[in-house]
Amino acid sequence: MFRTPLQSFRSLLVAATLALAGGSAIAQTVIIAPNAPPPPRVETVPPSRAGYAWDPGHWRWDHGAYVWAPGHWQPVRVGHRWIPGHWIEHGPNWRWVPGHWA
């Protein structure tokens, strides 16, 4: 099976993440895209919902292309605030930082 350089690079990053995590099953997949995501889409944020935080929509990298993932509600973790996922420039590529509670 022929693998593109991006697929090989992603596999290497996953392996490195597993190694750094001590081989544990709690490793995260690192998502790397070779170009910047499109501008975010304009979404209408629904009215507030008790016990939930709004996670805005974002572009996700899927099989070599960006695909829009619409916003959704996240159950609140008491004492934390939701940090939405976002793309950061990483050298010539872009890296996805997953949303998380802080």
Protein backbone atom coordinates (compact mmCIF):
# COMPACT_ATOMS: atom_id res chain seq x y z
CA MET A 1 0.00 0.00 0.00
CA PHE A 2 1.43 3.38 -1.01
CA ARG A 3 1.44 6.00 1.76
CA THR A 4 1.66 9.72 1.13
CA PRO A 5 4.30 11.71 3.03
CA LEU A 6 1.51 13.24 5.15
CA GLN A 7 0.16 9.78 6.10
CA SER A 8 3.66 8.60 7.00
CA PHE A 9 4.26 11.77 9.02
CA ARG A 10 0.95 11.35 10.86
CA SER A 11 1.75 7.70 11.66
CA LEU A 12 5.13 8.77 13.00
CA LEU A 13 3.49 11.42 15.20
CA VAL A 14 1.00 8.88 16.58
CA ALA A 15 3.84 6.47 17.37
CA ALA A 16 5.85 9.23 19.04
CA THR A 17 2.82 10.26 21.09
CA LEU A 18 2.36 6.66 22.26
CA ALA A 19 6.04 6.39 23.14
CA LEU A 20 5.98 9.63 25.11
CA ALA A 21 2.86 8.49 26.95
CA GLY A 22 4.75 5.38 28.05
CA GLY A 23 2.74 3.18 25.72
CA SER A 24 -0.45 3.85 27.66
CA ALA A 25 -3.85 3.59 26.04
CA ILE A 26 -4.53 7.25 26.81
CA ALA A 27 -2.54 8.62 23.87
CA GLN A 28 -4.15 11.26 21.65
CA THR A 29 -3.97 11.29 17.89
CA VAL A 30 -2.12 14.33 16.58
CA ILE A 31 -3.85 15.90 13.59
CA ILE A 32 -1.59 17.70 11.11
CA ALA A 33 -2.86 19.41 7.94
CA PRO A 34 -0.58 20.67 5.16
CA ASN A 35 -2.45 23.96 4.66
CA ALA A 36 -4.46 26.50 6.63
CA PRO A 37 -8.14 25.82 7.30
CA PRO A 38 -10.75 27.95 5.50
CA PRO A 39 -12.23 30.89 7.43
CA PRO A 40 -14.74 29.78 10.08
CA ARG A 41 -18.37 29.66 9.02
CA VAL A 42 -20.81 32.04 10.64
CA GLU A 43 -23.01 30.07 13.03
CA THR A 44 -26.06 31.22 14.92
CA VAL A 45 -25.38 30.37 18.55
CA PRO A 46 -28.52 28.98 20.19
CA PRO A 47 -29.84 30.55 23.42
CA SER A 48 -27.95 29.61 26.59
CA ARG A 49 -28.66 26.21 28.06
CA ALA A 50 -28.27 25.60 31.81
CA GLY A 51 -25.51 23.12 32.55
CA TYR A 52 -23.95 23.32 29.07
CA ALA A 53 -21.26 25.34 27.28
CA TRP A 54 -21.41 26.03 23.54
CA ASP A 55 -18.55 24.51 21.52
CA PRO A 56 -18.44 26.45 18.22
CA GLY A 57 -18.17 24.71 14.88
CA HIS A 58 -14.75 24.23 13.29
CA TRP A 59 -13.01 22.79 10.26
CA ARG A 60 -11.72 19.26 10.83
CA TRP A 61 -9.16 17.46 8.66
CA ASP A 62 -10.66 14.31 7.16
CA HIS A 63 -8.98 12.13 4.52
CA GLY A 64 -7.00 14.95 2.93
CA ALA A 65 -9.62 17.73 3.05
CA TYR A 66 -11.25 20.11 5.49
CA VAL A 67 -14.82 19.24 6.50
CA TRP A 68 -17.07 21.50 8.58
CA ALA A 69 -18.07 20.16 12.01
CA PRO A 70 -21.05 22.16 13.35
CA GLY A 71 -21.13 23.57 16.88
CA HIS A 72 -22.67 21.60 19.72
CA TRP A 73 -23.26 21.71 23.45
CA GLN A 74 -20.72 20.36 25.96
CA PRO A 75 -21.90 19.37 29.47
CA VAL A 76 -20.33 21.81 31.94
CA ARG A 77 -17.60 20.69 34.33
CA VAL A 78 -18.07 22.66 37.54
CA GLY A 79 -15.12 24.95 38.26
CA HIS A 80 -13.80 24.76 34.68
CA ARG A 81 -14.23 26.75 31.48
CA TRP A 82 -14.42 25.36 27.96
CA ILE A 83 -11.51 26.14 25.62
CA PRO A 84 -12.70 25.48 22.04
CA GLY A 85 -10.53 23.43 19.71
CA HIS A 86 -8.46 25.46 17.28
CA TRP A 87 -5.81 25.21 14.57
CA ILE A 88 -2.30 26.57 15.14
CA GLU A 89 0.39 27.08 12.55
CA HIS A 90 3.20 24.58 13.11
CA GLY A 91 6.07 25.26 10.71
CA PRO A 92 4.72 24.79 7.16
CA ASN A 93 1.74 22.77 8.47
CA TRP A 94 -1.26 23.29 10.75
CA ARG A 95 -1.89 21.34 13.98
CA TRP A 96 -5.30 20.76 15.58
CA VAL A 97 -5.52 21.49 19.32
CA PRO A 98 -8.63 19.69 20.65
CA GLY A 99 -11.17 21.51 22.80
CA HIS A 100 -10.74 20.94 26.52
CA TRP A 101 -11.78 22.07 29.97
CA ALA A 102 -9.37 24.35 31.86
